[in-house]
């Protein structure tokens, strides 16, 4: 009996030490690859498409996404239109694990996927997850703290009094089903080893309707809330995560990575600004951009900034600015750029120039000035898109809501700290993360 107690105590200590070791390692080195939808690794990839066709489709998806932001309903979860996600994440769910490919979205505060039995599910290429085959799946009772505190969860009295969820999106798409606990597994791209996270809160969707794509299943929310992926990893990561988006050049796009935990380094040149909690859309990452400048011309942002005036969106290609800010920025570009103007070959782009392949041309640096004094440089890869072999166009648009899109975030390390409520930017070479 004494030997058994000693052995049990040894196992408890060993597990405790492993947890400490894992937590420390996670904070400095845990990362997963984000798959761009136009990457050859993506099921959305079409080898017959040209680079410029992919650029055009990305612009159209971005416009479609932004059009659904101007909504007053608090029930709408962020701005994502599920068919328009730009990045995907592979993860596994259940025991034994089943691989799921979900759309990554920084505006959503929930992880959900399609589940059997399907009352009304959209067509999916891979088999739909069946929770009855998993040893670690469990539905959540109505009295669970997660059910009582969730913004999208409620008690389903018509079906065994367990917790349910419902989430709707700006384009009218929706998902509803069981609010549940399950083990999810991520594979670290550094060590190529799977890391399991038991008792993760997920939405197991039995009714999923709208503009969803058959190549993926559901959404992996990265929003600022307790039931997003970063929110649920917060006890192990301290609420920190970051990504570095590689540029959209012709040819194969280099991988972009999503890091969880403290990167464990003091980075010279990084600038920080407060994350602002927006009461209407609290899961989204709003910040205050005080001004934007080109050369010596500084363009001030107007209006009330109490709830933030621009949000950071990895799922939007384009950057949107208030109409008067956009007009001033476009005017300064016209005054500064010494290239021949040309008509836009694409719907949605306004300011375009002719270029000669192989010849250098000058695009002025745009400076984004954030609250707290931080200034981020936006180079030509952040401000212009090459849409034809001889045409470049400004990757900004005028809109009701200001959005910092993913082109503007290319080659910038974007680091979120939801514990300290800050976001940090660093101009860097994102391909150097390989």
Protein backbone atom coordinates (compact mmCIF):
# COMPACT_ATOMS: atom_id res chain seq x y z
CA UNK A 1 0.00 0.00 0.00
CA UNK A 2 2.85 2.38 0.89
CA UNK A 3 4.57 1.57 -2.39
CA UNK A 4 1.34 2.27 -4.28
CA UNK A 5 0.92 5.64 -2.53
CA UNK A 6 4.52 6.58 -3.31
CA UNK A 7 4.04 5.59 -6.94
CA UNK A 8 0.81 7.61 -7.15
CA UNK A 9 2.51 10.61 -5.56
CA UNK A 10 5.37 10.26 -8.04
CA UNK A 11 2.92 10.27 -10.94
CA UNK A 12 1.15 13.38 -9.61
CA UNK A 13 4.46 15.23 -9.23
CA UNK A 14 5.57 14.07 -12.69
CA UNK A 15 2.33 15.29 -14.30
CA UNK A 16 2.65 18.59 -12.40
CA UNK A 17 6.23 19.07 -13.62
CA UNK A 18 5.21 18.15 -17.17
CA UNK A 19 2.45 20.77 -17.05
CA UNK A 20 4.92 23.41 -15.84
CA UNK A 21 7.39 22.43 -18.54
CA UNK A 22 4.70 22.42 -21.22
CA UNK A 23 3.40 25.81 -20.13
CA UNK A 24 6.86 27.36 -20.32
CA UNK A 25 7.57 25.77 -23.70
CA UNK A 26 4.18 26.84 -25.02
CA UNK A 27 4.75 30.46 -24.10
CA UNK A 28 7.94 30.67 -26.13
CA UNK A 29 7.63 28.28 -29.06
CA UNK A 30 4.15 26.98 -29.84
CA UNK A 31 2.97 27.86 -33.31
CA UNK A 32 0.75 26.47 -36.06
CA UNK A 33 0.65 27.13 -39.76
CA UNK A 34 -2.17 29.21 -41.20
CA UNK A 35 -3.05 28.09 -44.72
CA UNK A 36 -3.94 30.87 -47.14
CA UNK A 37 -6.93 29.84 -49.21
CA UNK A 38 -4.91 30.38 -52.42
CA UNK A 39 -2.04 28.18 -51.26
CA UNK A 40 -1.52 24.82 -53.01
CA UNK A 41 -2.09 23.30 -49.54
CA UNK A 42 -5.64 24.67 -49.52
CA UNK A 43 -8.66 22.75 -50.85
CA UNK A 44 -9.81 26.07 -52.35
CA UNK A 45 -6.71 26.18 -54.58
CA UNK A 46 -7.40 26.12 -58.30
CA UNK A 47 -4.28 25.39 -60.34
CA UNK A 48 -5.89 26.77 -63.50
CA UNK A 49 -6.31 30.23 -61.95
CA UNK A 50 -3.68 32.86 -62.64
CA UNK A 51 -2.12 34.96 -59.89
CA UNK A 52 -4.10 37.98 -61.03
CA UNK A 53 -7.37 36.06 -60.99
CA UNK A 54 -6.63 35.14 -57.36
CA UNK A 55 -5.94 38.78 -56.53
CA UNK A 56 -9.23 39.81 -58.13
CA UNK A 57 -11.18 37.16 -56.23
CA UNK A 58 -9.56 38.22 -52.94
CA UNK A 59 -10.61 41.82 -53.57
CA UNK A 60 -14.19 40.77 -54.34
CA UNK A 61 -14.33 38.65 -51.16
CA UNK A 62 -13.05 41.59 -49.16
CA UNK A 63 -15.72 43.91 -50.56
CA UNK A 64 -18.39 41.28 -49.90
CA UNK A 65 -17.17 40.93 -46.31
CA UNK A 66 -17.04 44.65 -45.58
CA UNK A 67 -20.52 45.22 -47.02
CA UNK A 68 -21.99 43.25 -44.12
CA UNK A 69 -20.35 45.25 -41.36
CA UNK A 70 -22.86 48.10 -41.27
CA UNK A 71 -25.37 46.23 -39.13
CA UNK A 72 -26.96 47.30 -35.86
CA UNK A 73 -27.72 43.81 -34.55
CA UNK A 74 -25.67 42.75 -31.54
CA UNK A 75 -26.39 39.14 -32.46
CA UNK A 76 -24.11 39.24 -35.47
CA UNK A 77 -20.79 37.60 -34.64
CA UNK A 78 -18.15 39.88 -36.08
CA UNK A 79 -18.16 40.56 -39.81
CA UNK A 80 -17.17 37.21 -41.18
CA UNK A 81 -19.02 35.91 -44.18
CA UNK A 82 -17.98 32.26 -43.91
CA UNK A 83 -17.39 31.79 -47.63
CA UNK A 84 -14.86 34.63 -47.63
CA UNK A 85 -12.26 33.49 -45.10
CA UNK A 86 -8.72 34.14 -46.29
CA UNK A 87 -6.88 31.81 -43.87
CA UNK A 88 -7.57 28.25 -42.75
CA UNK A 89 -6.40 26.19 -39.80
CA UNK A 90 -6.01 22.43 -39.57
CA UNK A 91 -6.84 20.97 -36.18
CA UNK A 92 -8.15 17.68 -34.84
CA UNK A 93 -11.14 17.10 -32.62
CA UNK A 94 -12.18 14.16 -30.46
CA UNK A 95 -10.69 10.85 -29.34
CA UNK A 96 -9.70 9.23 -31.64
CA UNK A 97 -8.87 12.53 -33.38
CA UNK A 98 -10.70 13.59 -36.53
CA UNK A 99 -9.10 16.28 -38.71
CA UNK A 100 -11.06 19.49 -39.24
CA UNK A 101 -10.25 22.41 -41.52
CA UNK A 102 -11.78 25.62 -40.17
CA UNK A 103 -11.84 29.21 -41.39
CA UNK A 104 -9.69 31.46 -39.17
CA UNK A 105 -11.38 34.70 -38.17
CA UNK A 106 -10.16 37.43 -35.79
CA UNK A 107 -13.69 38.83 -35.60
CA UNK A 108 -15.39 35.69 -34.26
CA UNK A 109 -15.57 34.51 -30.67
CA UNK A 110 -16.40 30.83 -31.09
CA UNK A 111 -15.02 27.55 -32.40
CA UNK A 112 -17.67 25.52 -34.20
CA UNK A 113 -17.90 22.77 -36.79
CA UNK A 114 -20.57 20.63 -38.43
CA UNK A 115 -21.71 17.61 -36.41
CA UNK A 116 -23.83 14.51 -36.84
CA UNK A 117 -26.74 14.07 -36.68
CA UNK A 118 -27.26 16.81 -39.27
CA UNK A 119 -30.74 18.26 -39.30
CA UNK A 120 -29.82 20.85 -41.90
CA UNK A 121 -26.13 20.86 -42.85
CA UNK A 122 -24.38 22.21 -45.90
CA UNK A 123 -22.50 19.84 -48.18
CA UNK A 124 -19.02 19.04 -46.90
CA UNK A 125 -16.25 17.20 -48.78
CA UNK A 126 -14.82 15.45 -45.71
CA UNK A 127 -16.96 13.30 -43.40
CA UNK A 128 -18.93 15.32 -40.87
CA UNK A 129 -17.76 14.83 -37.28
CA UNK A 130 -19.83 12.31 -35.33
CA UNK A 131 -19.53 13.03 -31.59
CA UNK A 132 -20.92 9.59 -30.70
CA UNK A 133 -17.63 8.10 -31.93
CA UNK A 134 -15.50 10.21 -29.57
CA UNK A 135 -14.58 9.10 -26.06
CA UNK A 136 -13.92 12.69 -24.91
CA UNK A 137 -17.05 14.45 -26.19
CA UNK A 138 -19.67 15.65 -23.72
CA UNK A 139 -22.62 17.98 -23.99
CA UNK A 140 -22.75 20.87 -21.54
CA UNK A 141 -25.48 21.15 -18.90
CA UNK A 142 -27.42 24.39 -18.61
CA UNK A 143 -25.96 25.05 -15.14
CA UNK A 144 -22.36 25.05 -16.42
CA UNK A 145 -20.59 28.37 -15.96
CA UNK A 146 -19.65 28.46 -19.65
CA UNK A 147 -23.30 28.10 -20.67
CA UNK A 148 -24.45 30.81 -18.30
CA UNK A 149 -21.77 33.28 -19.40
CA UNK A 150 -21.70 32.73 -23.16
CA UNK A 151 -23.09 35.45 -25.42
CA UNK A 152 -24.29 32.87 -27.97
CA UNK A 153 -25.31 30.07 -25.56
CA UNK A 154 -28.68 29.31 -24.02
CA UNK A 155 -30.54 26.49 -22.31
CA UNK A 156 -32.31 24.12 -24.66
CA UNK A 157 -35.27 22.98 -22.54
CA UNK A 158 -36.78 21.07 -25.46
CA UNK A 159 -33.89 18.64 -25.64
CA UNK A 160 -32.70 17.14 -22.33
CA UNK A 161 -32.10 20.59 -20.82
CA UNK A 162 -28.59 20.88 -22.10
CA UNK A 163 -26.76 23.94 -23.38
CA UNK A 164 -27.16 25.05 -26.98
CA UNK A 165 -25.65 27.85 -29.07
CA UNK A 166 -26.67 29.91 -32.05
CA UNK A 167 -24.47 32.24 -34.07
CA UNK A 168 -25.43 34.34 -37.08
CA UNK A 169 -23.34 36.27 -39.57
CA UNK A 170 -23.76 39.43 -41.57
CA UNK A 171 -24.65 37.65 -44.80
CA UNK A 172 -27.54 35.77 -43.18
CA UNK A 173 -25.61 32.53 -42.64
CA UNK A 174 -26.03 30.85 -39.26
CA UNK A 175 -25.05 27.85 -37.19
CA UNK A 176 -26.79 26.29 -34.22
CA UNK A 177 -26.32 23.14 -32.20
CA UNK A 178 -24.88 21.86 -28.93
CA UNK A 179 -22.53 23.88 -26.75
CA UNK A 180 -20.12 21.13 -25.75
CA UNK A 181 -16.77 20.08 -24.33
CA UNK A 182 -14.29 18.21 -26.48
CA UNK A 183 -10.55 17.64 -26.88
CA UNK A 184 -8.98 19.57 -29.71
CA UNK A 185 -5.44 18.90 -30.93
CA UNK A 186 -3.07 21.31 -32.67
CA UNK A 187 0.19 20.32 -34.30
CA UNK A 188 3.16 22.54 -33.50
CA UNK A 189 5.00 23.46 -36.69
CA UNK A 190 8.26 23.78 -34.71
CA UNK A 191 8.43 20.26 -33.34
CA UNK A 192 5.79 18.66 -35.60
CA UNK A 193 4.17 17.13 -32.52
CA UNK A 194 0.45 17.15 -31.63
CA UNK A 195 -0.60 19.04 -28.49
CA UNK A 196 -4.00 18.17 -27.02
CA UNK A 197 -6.28 20.60 -25.19
CA UNK A 198 -8.97 18.68 -23.25
CA UNK A 199 -12.32 20.20 -22.26
CA UNK A 200 -12.27 22.85 -24.96
CA UNK A 201 -15.64 24.54 -25.46
CA UNK A 202 -16.88 24.03 -29.02
CA UNK A 203 -20.08 24.49 -30.94
CA UNK A 204 -21.26 21.19 -32.43
CA UNK A 205 -23.46 22.45 -35.25
CA UNK A 206 -26.50 20.43 -36.31
CA UNK A 207 -28.20 23.24 -38.26
CA UNK A 208 -25.85 25.21 -40.48
CA UNK A 209 -27.30 27.24 -43.33
CA UNK A 210 -26.09 29.97 -45.64
CA UNK A 211 -23.08 30.68 -47.82
CA UNK A 212 -20.70 28.03 -46.51
CA UNK A 213 -18.12 26.19 -48.57
CA UNK A 214 -17.91 22.42 -48.85
CA UNK A 215 -14.10 22.49 -48.54
CA UNK A 216 -14.10 23.48 -44.85
CA UNK A 217 -16.10 22.95 -41.66
CA UNK A 218 -17.06 25.90 -39.52
CA UNK A 219 -15.03 28.71 -38.00
CA UNK A 220 -12.02 28.94 -35.68
CA UNK A 221 -12.63 32.20 -33.84
CA UNK A 222 -9.56 34.19 -32.79
CA UNK A 223 -11.61 37.04 -31.36
CA UNK A 224 -11.21 38.75 -28.00
CA UNK A 225 -13.55 36.59 -25.95
CA UNK A 226 -13.49 33.65 -23.53
CA UNK A 227 -14.59 30.98 -26.05
CA UNK A 228 -12.33 31.87 -28.97
CA UNK A 229 -9.23 29.72 -29.45
CA UNK A 230 -6.85 32.27 -27.83
CA UNK A 231 -9.39 32.89 -25.08
CA UNK A 232 -9.52 29.22 -24.13
CA UNK A 233 -5.73 28.84 -24.30
CA UNK A 234 -5.31 31.89 -22.05
CA UNK A 235 -4.49 29.92 -18.86
CA UNK A 236 -1.49 28.40 -20.67
CA UNK A 237 -0.49 31.31 -22.90
CA UNK A 238 -1.25 34.31 -20.72
CA UNK A 239 -3.65 35.60 -23.36
CA UNK A 240 -0.93 36.34 -25.94
CA UNK A 241 -0.94 35.33 -29.58
CA UNK A 242 0.54 36.74 -32.77
CA UNK A 243 0.83 36.18 -36.48
CA UNK A 244 3.06 37.32 -39.32
CA UNK A 245 1.45 37.37 -42.78
CA UNK A 246 3.76 36.71 -45.71
CA UNK A 247 3.37 38.85 -48.86
CA UNK A 248 1.07 38.03 -51.74
CA UNK A 249 3.68 37.76 -54.48
CA UNK A 250 3.40 35.88 -57.74
CA UNK A 251 4.34 32.23 -57.34
CA UNK A 252 3.87 30.06 -54.26
CA UNK A 253 3.05 32.04 -51.15
CA UNK A 254 5.29 31.31 -48.17
CA UNK A 255 3.54 29.98 -45.04
CA UNK A 256 2.19 32.34 -42.39
CA UNK A 257 2.29 31.26 -38.76
CA UNK A 258 0.06 31.74 -35.76
CA UNK A 259 1.95 31.82 -32.44
CA UNK A 260 0.42 31.22 -29.04
CA UNK A 261 2.04 32.50 -25.86
CA UNK A 262 4.76 35.02 -25.08
CA UNK A 263 7.35 35.07 -27.86
CA UNK A 264 9.96 35.47 -25.11
CA UNK A 265 11.91 38.28 -26.73
CA UNK A 266 12.18 42.04 -26.44
CA UNK A 267 11.86 43.33 -29.97
CA UNK A 268 13.56 46.58 -30.88
CA UNK A 269 11.43 48.83 -33.06
CA UNK A 270 8.09 47.35 -32.00
CA UNK A 271 5.29 49.82 -31.18
CA UNK A 272 2.22 49.16 -29.05
CA UNK A 273 -1.24 50.65 -28.83
CA UNK A 274 -4.18 49.89 -26.50
CA UNK A 275 -6.86 47.42 -27.52
CA UNK A 276 -10.22 49.13 -27.17
CA UNK A 277 -13.27 47.19 -26.01
CA UNK A 278 -16.09 48.06 -28.38
CA UNK A 279 -19.40 47.60 -26.56
CA UNK A 280 -21.31 46.74 -29.74
CA UNK A 281 -18.72 44.20 -30.97
CA UNK A 282 -16.59 43.27 -27.95
CA UNK A 283 -14.94 40.25 -29.60
CA UNK A 284 -13.28 42.37 -32.30
CA UNK A 285 -9.86 43.99 -32.04
CA UNK A 286 -10.49 47.72 -32.20
CA UNK A 287 -7.69 50.26 -31.82
CA UNK A 288 -7.41 54.03 -32.25
CA UNK A 289 -5.61 55.28 -35.36
CA UNK A 290 -5.01 58.96 -34.67
CA UNK A 291 -3.75 59.89 -38.12
CA UNK A 292 -2.28 58.63 -41.36
CA UNK A 293 0.42 60.50 -43.22
CA UNK A 294 2.17 60.57 -46.58
CA UNK A 295 5.42 62.48 -46.62
CA UNK A 296 4.90 65.67 -44.61
CA UNK A 297 1.11 65.60 -45.01
CA UNK A 298 -0.64 64.34 -41.86
CA UNK A 299 -4.32 63.41 -42.17
CA UNK A 300 -6.11 63.39 -38.81
CA UNK A 301 -8.89 60.92 -38.05
CA UNK A 302 -12.08 62.73 -36.99
CA UNK A 303 -14.78 61.84 -34.52
CA UNK A 304 -15.26 60.03 -31.23
CA UNK A 305 -12.64 57.37 -30.54
CA UNK A 306 -14.02 56.08 -27.23
CA UNK A 307 -14.80 52.65 -28.74
CA UNK A 308 -11.95 52.58 -31.24
CA UNK A 309 -12.08 53.85 -34.80
CA UNK A 310 -10.50 50.99 -36.78
CA UNK A 311 -10.41 47.25 -36.27
CA UNK A 312 -7.75 44.73 -37.28
CA UNK A 313 -9.09 42.05 -39.62
CA UNK A 314 -7.05 39.13 -40.96
CA UNK A 315 -9.99 38.02 -43.10
CA UNK A 316 -10.28 41.20 -45.20
CA UNK A 317 -7.85 41.80 -48.06
CA UNK A 318 -8.50 45.53 -48.46
CA UNK A 319 -8.04 48.35 -45.95
CA UNK A 320 -11.03 50.66 -45.49
CA UNK A 321 -10.86 54.27 -44.33
CA UNK A 322 -13.59 56.86 -43.65
CA UNK A 323 -14.53 58.68 -46.85
CA UNK A 324 -12.81 61.98 -46.04
CA UNK A 325 -9.63 60.20 -44.89
CA UNK A 326 -9.54 58.06 -48.02
CA UNK A 327 -10.06 61.09 -50.27
CA UNK A 328 -7.17 62.95 -48.62
CA UNK A 329 -4.90 59.89 -48.81
CA UNK A 330 -5.72 59.34 -52.48
CA UNK A 331 -5.05 63.02 -53.21
CA UNK A 332 -1.62 62.86 -51.58
CA UNK A 333 -0.78 59.71 -53.53
CA UNK A 334 -1.74 61.44 -56.77
CA UNK A 335 0.48 64.42 -55.85
CA UNK A 336 3.45 62.22 -54.95
CA UNK A 337 3.52 59.27 -57.35
CA UNK A 338 5.14 60.07 -60.70
CA UNK A 339 3.70 57.22 -62.74
CA UNK A 340 1.13 57.36 -65.56
CA UNK A 341 -2.45 56.93 -64.32
CA UNK A 342 -4.62 54.23 -65.83
CA UNK A 343 -8.17 52.99 -65.47
CA UNK A 344 -8.72 50.22 -62.97
CA UNK A 345 -9.14 46.78 -64.58
CA UNK A 346 -10.99 45.55 -61.48
CA UNK A 347 -14.23 46.49 -59.83
CA UNK A 348 -13.65 48.12 -56.46
CA UNK A 349 -10.23 49.65 -57.07
CA UNK A 350 -10.02 53.32 -57.88
CA UNK A 351 -6.44 54.63 -58.06
CA UNK A 352 -4.23 52.70 -60.51
CA UNK A 353 -0.92 53.27 -62.26
CA UNK A 354 0.98 51.80 -65.18
CA UNK A 355 4.34 50.20 -64.46
CA UNK A 356 7.03 48.70 -66.67
CA UNK A 357 7.96 45.12 -65.66
CA UNK A 358 11.51 44.93 -64.36
CA UNK A 359 11.85 48.66 -63.77
CA UNK A 360 11.89 50.19 -60.28
CA UNK A 361 9.26 52.73 -59.29
CA UNK A 362 8.75 54.88 -56.21
CA UNK A 363 5.74 54.54 -53.92
CA UNK A 364 5.79 56.80 -50.83
CA UNK A 365 5.75 55.22 -47.38
CA UNK A 366 2.45 55.68 -45.57
CA UNK A 367 2.71 56.17 -41.81
CA UNK A 368 -0.10 54.91 -39.57
CA UNK A 369 -0.10 56.78 -36.25
CA UNK A 370 -1.75 54.93 -33.36
CA UNK A 371 -2.84 56.01 -29.91
CA UNK A 372 0.09 55.95 -27.51
CA UNK A 373 2.53 57.43 -29.99
CA UNK A 374 3.29 54.30 -32.02
CA UNK A 375 3.84 54.71 -35.75
CA UNK A 376 3.79 51.80 -38.22
CA UNK A 377 5.33 52.09 -41.68
CA UNK A 378 3.22 50.84 -44.56
CA UNK A 379 5.43 50.11 -47.55
CA UNK A 380 4.30 49.55 -51.13
CA UNK A 381 3.47 45.87 -50.41
CA UNK A 382 1.02 47.17 -47.76
CA UNK A 383 -0.57 49.90 -49.85
CA UNK A 384 -0.62 48.71 -53.48
CA UNK A 385 -1.62 45.49 -55.22
CA UNK A 386 -0.22 44.36 -58.53
CA UNK A 387 -3.40 43.46 -60.40
CA UNK A 388 -1.92 43.04 -63.88
CA UNK A 389 1.59 42.59 -65.22
CA UNK A 390 1.72 46.33 -65.95
CA UNK A 391 -0.82 47.76 -63.45
CA UNK A 392 -0.74 48.47 -59.71
CA UNK A 393 -3.71 49.78 -57.71
CA UNK A 394 -4.17 51.29 -54.27
CA UNK A 395 -5.37 48.55 -51.87
CA UNK A 396 -7.49 51.02 -49.88
CA UNK A 397 -11.17 51.85 -50.17
CA UNK A 398 -13.57 54.31 -48.64
CA UNK A 399 -16.10 52.79 -46.26
CA UNK A 400 -18.43 53.33 -43.34
CA UNK A 401 -16.19 51.40 -40.93
CA UNK A 402 -12.39 51.62 -40.94
CA UNK A 403 -10.73 48.21 -41.32
CA UNK A 404 -7.02 47.35 -41.32
CA UNK A 405 -6.96 44.52 -43.86
CA UNK A 406 -4.43 41.75 -44.36
CA UNK A 407 -2.55 43.40 -47.27
CA UNK A 408 -1.76 46.29 -44.94
CA UNK A 409 -0.54 43.73 -42.37
CA UNK A 410 1.88 41.90 -44.70
CA UNK A 411 5.44 41.68 -43.36
CA UNK A 412 4.28 43.07 -40.03
CA UNK A 413 4.38 41.01 -36.86
CA UNK A 414 1.02 41.63 -35.15
CA UNK A 415 1.11 40.62 -31.48
CA UNK A 416 -2.06 40.62 -29.35
CA UNK A 417 -1.93 40.67 -25.55
CA UNK A 418 -5.45 40.26 -24.17
CA UNK A 419 -4.12 40.26 -20.60
CA UNK A 420 -2.62 43.75 -20.90
CA UNK A 421 -5.10 44.79 -23.63
CA UNK A 422 -2.47 45.88 -26.13
CA UNK A 423 -1.54 45.11 -29.70
CA UNK A 424 2.05 45.45 -30.88
CA UNK A 425 3.28 45.97 -34.44
CA UNK A 426 6.73 45.33 -35.84
CA UNK A 427 7.82 45.78 -39.46
CA UNK A 428 9.74 42.61 -40.28
CA UNK A 429 10.37 39.96 -42.92
CA UNK A 430 7.66 37.39 -42.22
CA UNK A 431 9.33 34.80 -44.47
CA UNK A 432 12.26 34.74 -42.00
CA UNK A 433 10.02 32.79 -39.61
CA UNK A 434 10.52 29.69 -41.74
